[in-house]
């Protein structure tokens, strides 16, 4: 039985490779992405999903060659004049998808051949009753794959039936919300080339921290400097010791330190918003 299963999986993988080599597409699958200034990533990402029948890219005003590259690679590209946040923008891309199954990706992610075969199995009706699928994700930091630090296992829900799910309206850290139905889990990791240099991490940290703080501030959340400091300390201890970041060596220490800075940074950003909009406080009189 195990040997037959092995041959079946190998046959599906080889079948997918053959289909891609002769230009055939996996029907019933739409790949959706949102982009802005992703010229360095978009071509490799789209090459890894060349097996999909439809690729939809929603771009929020790139000033580099992202749009031109995506169109050259055969994607259907829509450019929006505004930026409503990650969740709403991804819902825009979802609304443009036309096939029953949807695979949502970021431009810095790649779908390796083994994962392509698993996705093909689901889309072709061999995945059982599940309407959505989690995919493990492996992230590279400055050239090294990170296997601990809380980054692995990193399960992301990215493959789902179009009518069964939508994205949350969160400005940042959006989630796929499944209305009803079972959720399965694929085995092969999605490859995440998110941080080729430390500067990429700092840019994303600033973007996410500000968006997180604005969202929480609008919801009326308050914080303090002590809370921000505690968040940073707890984040380091959790990721370096309890989530075994120490096993990733020097890069593991760097990742855990940056996660601590990220935890502090988002609460500090919220603290600053609280102070800026706090009109009830009165400055003390100047000392004489």
C-alpha atoms as a PDB file:
ATOM      1  CA  UNK A   1       0.000   0.000   0.000  1.00  0.00           C
ATOM      2  CA  UNK A   2       2.783   2.436   0.958  1.00  0.00           C
ATOM      3  CA  UNK A   3       4.675   1.577  -2.215  1.00  0.00           C
ATOM      4  CA  UNK A   4       1.562   2.196  -4.339  1.00  0.00           C
ATOM      5  CA  UNK A   5       1.038   5.559  -2.639  1.00  0.00           C
ATOM      6  CA  UNK A   6       4.645   6.485  -3.356  1.00  0.00           C
ATOM      7  CA  UNK A   7       4.217   5.602  -7.033  1.00  0.00           C
ATOM      8  CA  UNK A   8       0.987   7.616  -7.202  1.00  0.00           C
ATOM      9  CA  UNK A   9       2.643  10.720  -5.786  1.00  0.00           C
ATOM     10  CA  UNK A  10       5.625  10.317  -8.059  1.00  0.00           C
ATOM     11  CA  UNK A  11       3.296   9.890 -11.024  1.00  0.00           C
ATOM     12  CA  UNK A  12       1.392  13.061 -10.118  1.00  0.00           C
ATOM     13  CA  UNK A  13       4.666  14.983  -9.770  1.00  0.00           C
ATOM     14  CA  UNK A  14       5.979  13.737 -13.113  1.00  0.00           C
ATOM     15  CA  UNK A  15       2.617  14.454 -14.738  1.00  0.00           C
ATOM     16  CA  UNK A  16       2.701  18.025 -13.498  1.00  0.00           C
ATOM     17  CA  UNK A  17       6.262  18.495 -14.767  1.00  0.00           C
ATOM     18  CA  UNK A  18       5.255  17.140 -18.179  1.00  0.00           C
ATOM     19  CA  UNK A  19       2.221  19.423 -18.358  1.00  0.00           C
ATOM     20  CA  UNK A  20       4.319  22.492 -17.533  1.00  0.00           C
ATOM     21  CA  UNK A  21       7.001  21.526 -20.038  1.00  0.00           C
ATOM     22  CA  UNK A  22       4.504  21.478 -22.920  1.00  0.00           C
ATOM     23  CA  UNK A  23       2.736  24.638 -21.839  1.00  0.00           C
ATOM     24  CA  UNK A  24      -0.438  23.079 -20.384  1.00  0.00           C
ATOM     25  CA  UNK A  25      -2.043  24.781 -17.390  1.00  0.00           C
ATOM     26  CA  UNK A  26      -3.667  23.461 -14.258  1.00  0.00           C
ATOM     27  CA  UNK A  27      -7.281  24.512 -14.796  1.00  0.00           C
ATOM     28  CA  UNK A  28      -9.596  25.504 -11.956  1.00  0.00           C
ATOM     29  CA  UNK A  29      -6.766  27.355 -10.154  1.00  0.00           C
ATOM     30  CA  UNK A  30      -6.275  31.118  -9.826  1.00  0.00           C
ATOM     31  CA  UNK A  31      -3.138  32.520  -8.189  1.00  0.00           C
ATOM     32  CA  UNK A  32      -3.564  35.965  -6.607  1.00  0.00           C
ATOM     33  CA  UNK A  33      -0.900  38.442  -5.467  1.00  0.00           C
ATOM     34  CA  UNK A  34      -0.781  42.025  -4.268  1.00  0.00           C
ATOM     35  CA  UNK A  35       2.341  44.005  -5.089  1.00  0.00           C
ATOM     36  CA  UNK A  36       4.158  47.295  -4.823  1.00  0.00           C
ATOM     37  CA  UNK A  37       7.719  47.731  -6.077  1.00  0.00           C
ATOM     38  CA  UNK A  38       8.426  43.998  -6.254  1.00  0.00           C
ATOM     39  CA  UNK A  39      10.489  44.010  -9.451  1.00  0.00           C
ATOM     40  CA  UNK A  40      13.263  42.066  -7.716  1.00  0.00           C
ATOM     41  CA  UNK A  41      10.877  39.258  -6.748  1.00  0.00           C
ATOM     42  CA  UNK A  42       7.923  39.070  -9.078  1.00  0.00           C
ATOM     43  CA  UNK A  43       9.470  37.151 -11.983  1.00  0.00           C
ATOM     44  CA  UNK A  44      10.790  34.277  -9.853  1.00  0.00           C
ATOM     45  CA  UNK A  45       7.492  34.112  -7.987  1.00  0.00           C
ATOM     46  CA  UNK A  46       5.427  33.943 -11.174  1.00  0.00           C
ATOM     47  CA  UNK A  47       7.738  31.346 -12.708  1.00  0.00           C
ATOM     48  CA  UNK A  48       7.046  29.108  -9.721  1.00  0.00           C
ATOM     49  CA  UNK A  49       3.290  29.255 -10.429  1.00  0.00           C
ATOM     50  CA  UNK A  50       3.491  28.919 -14.208  1.00  0.00           C
ATOM     51  CA  UNK A  51       1.394  25.744 -13.851  1.00  0.00           C
ATOM     52  CA  UNK A  52      -1.696  27.779 -12.851  1.00  0.00           C
ATOM     53  CA  UNK A  53      -4.286  28.662 -15.468  1.00  0.00           C
ATOM     54  CA  UNK A  54      -4.802  32.199 -14.140  1.00  0.00           C
ATOM     55  CA  UNK A  55      -2.562  34.642 -12.255  1.00  0.00           C
ATOM     56  CA  UNK A  56      -4.060  37.892 -10.958  1.00  0.00           C
ATOM     57  CA  UNK A  57      -1.803  40.695  -9.706  1.00  0.00           C
ATOM     58  CA  UNK A  58      -3.244  43.765  -7.962  1.00  0.00           C
ATOM     59  CA  UNK A  59      -0.600  46.473  -7.800  1.00  0.00           C
ATOM     60  CA  UNK A  60      -0.849  49.579  -5.631  1.00  0.00           C
ATOM     61  CA  UNK A  61       1.196  52.001  -7.725  1.00  0.00           C
ATOM     62  CA  UNK A  62       4.641  50.508  -8.238  1.00  0.00           C
ATOM     63  CA  UNK A  63       7.292  52.917  -9.474  1.00  0.00           C
ATOM     64  CA  UNK A  64       9.621  50.159 -10.672  1.00  0.00           C
ATOM     65  CA  UNK A  65       9.105  47.479 -13.359  1.00  0.00           C
ATOM     66  CA  UNK A  66       6.765  45.256 -11.320  1.00  0.00           C
ATOM     67  CA  UNK A  67       3.726  45.798 -13.540  1.00  0.00           C
ATOM     68  CA  UNK A  68       5.654  45.403 -16.807  1.00  0.00           C
ATOM     69  CA  UNK A  69       7.328  42.187 -15.624  1.00  0.00           C
ATOM     70  CA  UNK A  70       4.061  40.703 -14.363  1.00  0.00           C
ATOM     71  CA  UNK A  71       2.321  41.417 -17.670  1.00  0.00           C
ATOM     72  CA  UNK A  72       5.247  39.984 -19.612  1.00  0.00           C
ATOM     73  CA  UNK A  73       4.947  36.829 -17.504  1.00  0.00           C
ATOM     74  CA  UNK A  74       1.292  36.486 -18.519  1.00  0.00           C
ATOM     75  CA  UNK A  75      -0.414  37.769 -15.379  1.00  0.00           C
ATOM     76  CA  UNK A  76      -3.623  39.780 -15.448  1.00  0.00           C
ATOM     77  CA  UNK A  77      -2.591  43.030 -13.760  1.00  0.00           C
ATOM     78  CA  UNK A  78      -4.875  45.587 -12.123  1.00  0.00           C
ATOM     79  CA  UNK A  79      -3.425  48.829 -10.749  1.00  0.00           C
ATOM     80  CA  UNK A  80      -5.230  50.584  -7.900  1.00  0.00           C
ATOM     81  CA  UNK A  81      -4.685  54.266  -7.035  1.00  0.00           C
ATOM     82  CA  UNK A  82      -5.018  53.793  -3.277  1.00  0.00           C
ATOM     83  CA  UNK A  83      -3.824  51.535  -0.481  1.00  0.00           C
ATOM     84  CA  UNK A  84      -6.653  50.348   1.818  1.00  0.00           C
ATOM     85  CA  UNK A  85      -4.524  47.932   3.843  1.00  0.00           C
ATOM     86  CA  UNK A  86      -3.416  44.329   3.349  1.00  0.00           C
ATOM     87  CA  UNK A  87      -6.750  42.651   4.064  1.00  0.00           C
ATOM     88  CA  UNK A  88      -8.928  44.858   1.849  1.00  0.00           C
ATOM     89  CA  UNK A  89      -6.351  44.812  -0.955  1.00  0.00           C
ATOM     90  CA  UNK A  90      -6.216  41.019  -0.915  1.00  0.00           C
ATOM     91  CA  UNK A  91     -10.008  40.904  -1.033  1.00  0.00           C
ATOM     92  CA  UNK A  92      -9.798  43.021  -4.170  1.00  0.00           C
ATOM     93  CA  UNK A  93      -7.512  40.440  -5.760  1.00  0.00           C
ATOM     94  CA  UNK A  94      -9.794  37.623  -4.609  1.00  0.00           C
ATOM     95  CA  UNK A  95     -12.793  39.307  -6.253  1.00  0.00           C
ATOM     96  CA  UNK A  96     -10.919  39.274  -9.573  1.00  0.00           C
ATOM     97  CA  UNK A  97     -10.152  35.540  -9.476  1.00  0.00           C
ATOM     98  CA  UNK A  98     -12.370  33.450 -11.747  1.00  0.00           C
ATOM     99  CA  UNK A  99     -11.519  29.827 -10.925  1.00  0.00           C
ATOM    100  CA  UNK A 100     -12.964  27.636  -8.131  1.00  0.00           C
ATOM    101  CA  UNK A 101      -9.631  27.231  -6.309  1.00  0.00           C
ATOM    102  CA  UNK A 102      -7.422  30.149  -5.225  1.00  0.00           C
ATOM    103  CA  UNK A 103      -3.776  30.175  -4.177  1.00  0.00           C
ATOM    104  CA  UNK A 104      -2.749  33.405  -2.440  1.00  0.00           C
ATOM    105  CA  UNK A 105       0.952  34.293  -2.516  1.00  0.00           C
ATOM    106  CA  UNK A 106       3.293  37.119  -1.650  1.00  0.00           C
ATOM    107  CA  UNK A 107       5.831  38.208  -4.252  1.00  0.00           C
ATOM    108  CA  UNK A 108       8.759  37.025  -2.111  1.00  0.00           C
ATOM    109  CA  UNK A 109       7.420  33.452  -1.960  1.00  0.00           C
ATOM    110  CA  UNK A 110       8.147  30.515  -4.262  1.00  0.00           C
ATOM    111  CA  UNK A 111       6.227  27.286  -4.893  1.00  0.00           C
ATOM    112  CA  UNK A 112       8.713  24.398  -5.294  1.00  0.00           C
ATOM    113  CA  UNK A 113       7.863  21.484  -7.635  1.00  0.00           C
ATOM    114  CA  UNK A 114       6.862  19.115  -4.826  1.00  0.00           C
ATOM    115  CA  UNK A 115       4.378  21.675  -3.491  1.00  0.00           C
ATOM    116  CA  UNK A 116       3.085  22.251  -7.015  1.00  0.00           C
ATOM    117  CA  UNK A 117       2.276  18.532  -7.180  1.00  0.00           C
ATOM    118  CA  UNK A 118       0.411  18.641  -3.854  1.00  0.00           C
ATOM    119  CA  UNK A 119      -1.604  21.642  -4.982  1.00  0.00           C
ATOM    120  CA  UNK A 120      -2.422  19.910  -8.263  1.00  0.00           C
ATOM    121  CA  UNK A 121      -3.691  16.888  -6.329  1.00  0.00           C
ATOM    122  CA  UNK A 122      -6.092  19.079  -4.336  1.00  0.00           C
ATOM    123  CA  UNK A 123      -7.329  21.087  -7.317  1.00  0.00           C
ATOM    124  CA  UNK A 124      -7.907  17.927  -9.342  1.00  0.00           C
ATOM    125  CA  UNK A 125     -10.244  16.617  -6.653  1.00  0.00           C
ATOM    126  CA  UNK A 126      -7.936  14.200  -4.844  1.00  0.00           C
ATOM    127  CA  UNK A 127      -7.700  16.143  -1.595  1.00  0.00           C
ATOM    128  CA  UNK A 128     -10.821  14.939   0.140  1.00  0.00           C
ATOM    129  CA  UNK A 129     -13.521  17.176   1.581  1.00  0.00           C
ATOM    130  CA  UNK A 130     -11.339  20.070   2.771  1.00  0.00           C
ATOM    131  CA  UNK A 131     -12.261  23.495   1.355  1.00  0.00           C
ATOM    132  CA  UNK A 132      -9.047  25.181   2.504  1.00  0.00           C
ATOM    133  CA  UNK A 133      -5.459  24.101   3.064  1.00  0.00           C
ATOM    134  CA  UNK A 134      -2.671  25.274   5.328  1.00  0.00           C
ATOM    135  CA  UNK A 135       0.839  25.239   3.892  1.00  0.00           C
ATOM    136  CA  UNK A 136       4.018  25.126   6.012  1.00  0.00           C
ATOM    137  CA  UNK A 137       6.353  28.002   5.187  1.00  0.00           C
ATOM    138  CA  UNK A 138      10.140  28.065   5.488  1.00  0.00           C
ATOM    139  CA  UNK A 139      11.733  31.515   5.704  1.00  0.00           C
ATOM    140  CA  UNK A 140      15.234  32.552   4.675  1.00  0.00           C
ATOM    141  CA  UNK A 141      17.019  35.308   6.598  1.00  0.00           C
ATOM    142  CA  UNK A 142      20.185  36.833   5.119  1.00  0.00           C
ATOM    143  CA  UNK A 143      20.887  33.671   3.138  1.00  0.00           C
ATOM    144  CA  UNK A 144      20.171  31.133   5.912  1.00  0.00           C
ATOM    145  CA  UNK A 145      17.023  29.057   6.314  1.00  0.00           C
ATOM    146  CA  UNK A 146      15.593  29.552   9.799  1.00  0.00           C
ATOM    147  CA  UNK A 147      14.239  26.334  11.340  1.00  0.00           C
ATOM    148  CA  UNK A 148      13.388  27.623  14.819  1.00  0.00           C
ATOM    149  CA  UNK A 149      12.797  31.043  16.469  1.00  0.00           C
ATOM    150  CA  UNK A 150       9.036  30.563  16.131  1.00  0.00           C
ATOM    151  CA  UNK A 151       9.391  30.889  12.364  1.00  0.00           C
ATOM    152  CA  UNK A 152       9.089  27.138  11.810  1.00  0.00           C
ATOM    153  CA  UNK A 153       6.600  25.582  11.644  1.00  0.00           C
ATOM    154  CA  UNK A 154       4.895  28.602  10.137  1.00  0.00           C
ATOM    155  CA  UNK A 155       1.525  27.397   8.883  1.00  0.00           C
ATOM    156  CA  UNK A 156      -0.202  29.779   6.484  1.00  0.00           C
ATOM    157  CA  UNK A 157      -3.662  29.207   5.001  1.00  0.00           C
ATOM    158  CA  UNK A 158      -3.176  30.023   1.318  1.00  0.00           C
ATOM    159  CA  UNK A 159      -5.084  27.486  -0.782  1.00  0.00           C
ATOM    160  CA  UNK A 160      -8.886  27.573  -0.619  1.00  0.00           C
ATOM    161  CA  UNK A 161     -12.084  27.351  -2.584  1.00  0.00           C
ATOM    162  CA  UNK A 162     -13.046  30.817  -3.769  1.00  0.00           C
ATOM    163  CA  UNK A 163     -16.610  30.737  -2.499  1.00  0.00           C
ATOM    164  CA  UNK A 164     -15.638  29.328   0.926  1.00  0.00           C
ATOM    165  CA  UNK A 165     -13.293  32.019   2.243  1.00  0.00           C
ATOM    166  CA  UNK A 166     -12.304  35.673   2.283  1.00  0.00           C
ATOM    167  CA  UNK A 167      -9.600  37.785   3.897  1.00  0.00           C
ATOM    168  CA  UNK A 168     -10.110  39.663   7.137  1.00  0.00           C
ATOM    169  CA  UNK A 169     -10.241  43.455   6.866  1.00  0.00           C
ATOM    170  CA  UNK A 170      -7.149  43.942   9.037  1.00  0.00           C
ATOM    171  CA  UNK A 171      -4.736  46.600   7.809  1.00  0.00           C
ATOM    172  CA  UNK A 172      -1.832  44.262   8.605  1.00  0.00           C
ATOM    173  CA  UNK A 173      -1.484  40.594   9.593  1.00  0.00           C
ATOM    174  CA  UNK A 174      -4.650  39.746   7.689  1.00  0.00           C
ATOM    175  CA  UNK A 175      -6.092  36.223   7.920  1.00  0.00           C
ATOM    176  CA  UNK A 176      -8.064  33.950   5.632  1.00  0.00           C
ATOM    177  CA  UNK A 177     -11.522  33.469   7.127  1.00  0.00           C
ATOM    178  CA  UNK A 178     -13.168  30.183   6.182  1.00  0.00           C
ATOM    179  CA  UNK A 179     -16.967  30.433   6.327  1.00  0.00           C
ATOM    180  CA  UNK A 180     -17.519  26.712   6.723  1.00  0.00           C
ATOM    181  CA  UNK A 181     -15.868  23.433   5.820  1.00  0.00           C
ATOM    182  CA  UNK A 182     -12.820  21.404   6.786  1.00  0.00           C
ATOM    183  CA  UNK A 183      -9.249  22.731   6.640  1.00  0.00           C
ATOM    184  CA  UNK A 184      -6.462  20.378   5.539  1.00  0.00           C
ATOM    185  CA  UNK A 185      -2.702  20.654   5.668  1.00  0.00           C
ATOM    186  CA  UNK A 186      -0.146  20.147   2.902  1.00  0.00           C
ATOM    187  CA  UNK A 187       3.313  18.714   3.599  1.00  0.00           C
ATOM    188  CA  UNK A 188       5.798  20.560   1.391  1.00  0.00           C
ATOM    189  CA  UNK A 189       7.013  23.979   2.507  1.00  0.00           C
ATOM    190  CA  UNK A 190       6.350  27.213   0.681  1.00  0.00           C
ATOM    191  CA  UNK A 191       9.709  28.989   0.351  1.00  0.00           C
ATOM    192  CA  UNK A 192       9.822  32.519   1.739  1.00  0.00           C
ATOM    193  CA  UNK A 193      12.686  34.793   0.629  1.00  0.00           C
ATOM    194  CA  UNK A 194      11.522  37.670   2.773  1.00  0.00           C
ATOM    195  CA  UNK A 195      14.723  39.097   4.243  1.00  0.00           C
ATOM    196  CA  UNK A 196      17.764  38.913   1.932  1.00  0.00           C
ATOM    197  CA  UNK A 197      19.409  41.730   3.940  1.00  0.00           C
ATOM    198  CA  UNK A 198      18.775  43.314   7.360  1.00  0.00           C
ATOM    199  CA  UNK A 199      17.535  46.477   5.644  1.00  0.00           C
ATOM    200  CA  UNK A 200      14.619  44.514   4.177  1.00  0.00           C
ATOM    201  CA  UNK A 201      13.638  43.473   7.699  1.00  0.00           C
ATOM    202  CA  UNK A 202      13.797  47.045   9.022  1.00  0.00           C
ATOM    203  CA  UNK A 203      11.642  48.356   6.189  1.00  0.00           C
ATOM    204  CA  UNK A 204       8.969  45.734   6.797  1.00  0.00           C
ATOM    205  CA  UNK A 205       9.209  46.271  10.544  1.00  0.00           C
ATOM    206  CA  UNK A 206       8.476  49.986  10.177  1.00  0.00           C
ATOM    207  CA  UNK A 207       5.576  49.357   7.792  1.00  0.00           C
ATOM    208  CA  UNK A 208       3.963  46.664   9.927  1.00  0.00           C
ATOM    209  CA  UNK A 209       4.555  48.463  13.229  1.00  0.00           C
ATOM    210  CA  UNK A 210       2.891  51.645  12.027  1.00  0.00           C
ATOM    211  CA  UNK A 211      -0.058  49.800  10.488  1.00  0.00           C
ATOM    212  CA  UNK A 212      -0.526  47.653  13.625  1.00  0.00           C
ATOM    213  CA  UNK A 213      -0.340  50.694  15.895  1.00  0.00           C
ATOM    214  CA  UNK A 214      -2.818  52.692  13.807  1.00  0.00           C
ATOM    215  CA  UNK A 215      -5.269  49.802  13.769  1.00  0.00           C
ATOM    216  CA  UNK A 216      -5.058  49.315  17.545  1.00  0.00           C
ATOM    217  CA  UNK A 217      -5.247  53.061  18.202  1.00  0.00           C
ATOM    218  CA  UNK A 218      -8.410  53.357  16.123  1.00  0.00           C
ATOM    219  CA  UNK A 219      -9.864  50.542  18.224  1.00  0.00           C
ATOM    220  CA  UNK A 220      -9.158  52.583  21.361  1.00  0.00           C
ATOM    221  CA  UNK A 221      -6.300  50.496  22.740  1.00  0.00           C
ATOM    222  CA  UNK A 222      -3.899  52.169  25.164  1.00  0.00           C
ATOM    223  CA  UNK A 223      -0.408  51.102  26.170  1.00  0.00           C
ATOM    224  CA  UNK A 224       2.562  52.269  28.216  1.00  0.00           C
ATOM    225  CA  UNK A 225       6.323  52.388  27.883  1.00  0.00           C
ATOM    226  CA  UNK A 226       6.565  49.597  30.453  1.00  0.00           C
ATOM    227  CA  UNK A 227       4.313  47.430  28.286  1.00  0.00           C
ATOM    228  CA  UNK A 228       6.470  48.130  25.245  1.00  0.00           C
ATOM    229  CA  UNK A 229       9.666  47.220  27.117  1.00  0.00           C
ATOM    230  CA  UNK A 230       8.116  44.057  28.535  1.00  0.00           C
ATOM    231  CA  UNK A 231       6.938  42.993  25.081  1.00  0.00           C
ATOM    232  CA  UNK A 232      10.483  43.192  23.758  1.00  0.00           C
ATOM    233  CA  UNK A 233      11.984  41.197  26.630  1.00  0.00           C
ATOM    234  CA  UNK A 234       9.300  38.507  26.496  1.00  0.00           C
ATOM    235  CA  UNK A 235       9.601  38.200  22.716  1.00  0.00           C
ATOM    236  CA  UNK A 236      13.346  37.512  22.934  1.00  0.00           C
ATOM    237  CA  UNK A 237      13.057  34.962  25.743  1.00  0.00           C
ATOM    238  CA  UNK A 238      10.207  33.158  24.015  1.00  0.00           C
ATOM    239  CA  UNK A 239      11.845  32.954  20.577  1.00  0.00           C
ATOM    240  CA  UNK A 240      15.468  32.330  21.642  1.00  0.00           C
ATOM    241  CA  UNK A 241      14.947  29.880  24.505  1.00  0.00           C
ATOM    242  CA  UNK A 242      11.467  28.380  24.358  1.00  0.00           C
ATOM    243  CA  UNK A 243      11.278  28.263  20.551  1.00  0.00           C
ATOM    244  CA  UNK A 244      14.914  27.139  20.289  1.00  0.00           C
ATOM    245  CA  UNK A 245      16.272  30.054  18.270  1.00  0.00           C
ATOM    246  CA  UNK A 246      19.655  29.280  19.817  1.00  0.00           C
ATOM    247  CA  UNK A 247      19.831  26.191  17.554  1.00  0.00           C
ATOM    248  CA  UNK A 248      19.952  28.462  14.493  1.00  0.00           C
ATOM    249  CA  UNK A 249      23.305  29.851  15.598  1.00  0.00           C
ATOM    250  CA  UNK A 250      24.346  33.449  15.051  1.00  0.00           C
ATOM    251  CA  UNK A 251      21.493  34.120  12.638  1.00  0.00           C
ATOM    252  CA  UNK A 252      19.078  32.683  15.174  1.00  0.00           C
ATOM    253  CA  UNK A 253      20.331  35.174  17.756  1.00  0.00           C
ATOM    254  CA  UNK A 254      19.954  37.979  15.201  1.00  0.00           C
ATOM    255  CA  UNK A 255      16.409  36.929  14.321  1.00  0.00           C
ATOM    256  CA  UNK A 256      15.363  36.713  17.978  1.00  0.00           C
ATOM    257  CA  UNK A 257      16.913  40.103  18.736  1.00  0.00           C
ATOM    258  CA  UNK A 258      15.083  41.665  15.801  1.00  0.00           C
ATOM    259  CA  UNK A 259      11.830  40.037  16.889  1.00  0.00           C
ATOM    260  CA  UNK A 260      12.318  41.635  20.293  1.00  0.00           C
ATOM    261  CA  UNK A 261      12.861  44.998  18.609  1.00  0.00           C
ATOM    262  CA  UNK A 262       9.746  44.427  16.499  1.00  0.00           C
ATOM    263  CA  UNK A 263       7.647  43.656  19.577  1.00  0.00           C
ATOM    264  CA  UNK A 264       8.940  46.767  21.335  1.00  0.00           C
ATOM    265  CA  UNK A 265       8.572  48.875  18.191  1.00  0.00           C
ATOM    266  CA  UNK A 266       4.890  48.203  17.569  1.00  0.00           C
ATOM    267  CA  UNK A 267       3.920  48.986  21.167  1.00  0.00           C
ATOM    268  CA  UNK A 268       6.155  52.058  21.162  1.00  0.00           C
ATOM    269  CA  UNK A 269       4.433  53.244  17.966  1.00  0.00           C
ATOM    270  CA  UNK A 270       1.069  52.777  19.674  1.00  0.00           C
ATOM    271  CA  UNK A 271       2.344  54.604  22.761  1.00  0.00           C
ATOM    272  CA  UNK A 272       3.398  57.564  20.611  1.00  0.00           C
ATOM    273  CA  UNK A 273      -0.027  57.666  18.945  1.00  0.00           C
ATOM    274  CA  UNK A 274      -1.654  57.634  22.381  1.00  0.00           C
ATOM    275  CA  UNK A 275       0.494  60.577  23.457  1.00  0.00           C
ATOM    276  CA  UNK A 276      -0.051  62.552  20.264  1.00  0.00           C
ATOM    277  CA  UNK A 277      -3.823  62.284  20.499  1.00  0.00           C
ATOM    278  CA  UNK A 278      -4.122  62.666  24.264  1.00  0.00           C
ATOM    279  CA  UNK A 279      -5.554  66.184  24.608  1.00  0.00           C
ATOM    280  CA  UNK A 280      -6.536  65.751  28.247  1.00  0.00           C
ATOM    281  CA  UNK A 281      -3.041  66.191  29.646  1.00  0.00           C
ATOM    282  CA  UNK A 282      -1.835  69.666  30.562  1.00  0.00           C
ATOM    283  CA  UNK A 283       1.890  70.468  30.466  1.00  0.00           C
ATOM    284  CA  UNK A 284       3.387  71.457  33.800  1.00  0.00           C
ATOM    285  CA  UNK A 285       4.298  75.127  34.326  1.00  0.00           C
ATOM    286  CA  UNK A 286       7.919  75.999  33.485  1.00  0.00           C
ATOM    287  CA  UNK A 287      10.291  75.873  36.414  1.00  0.00           C
ATOM    288  CA  UNK A 288      11.670  79.176  37.584  1.00  0.00           C
END
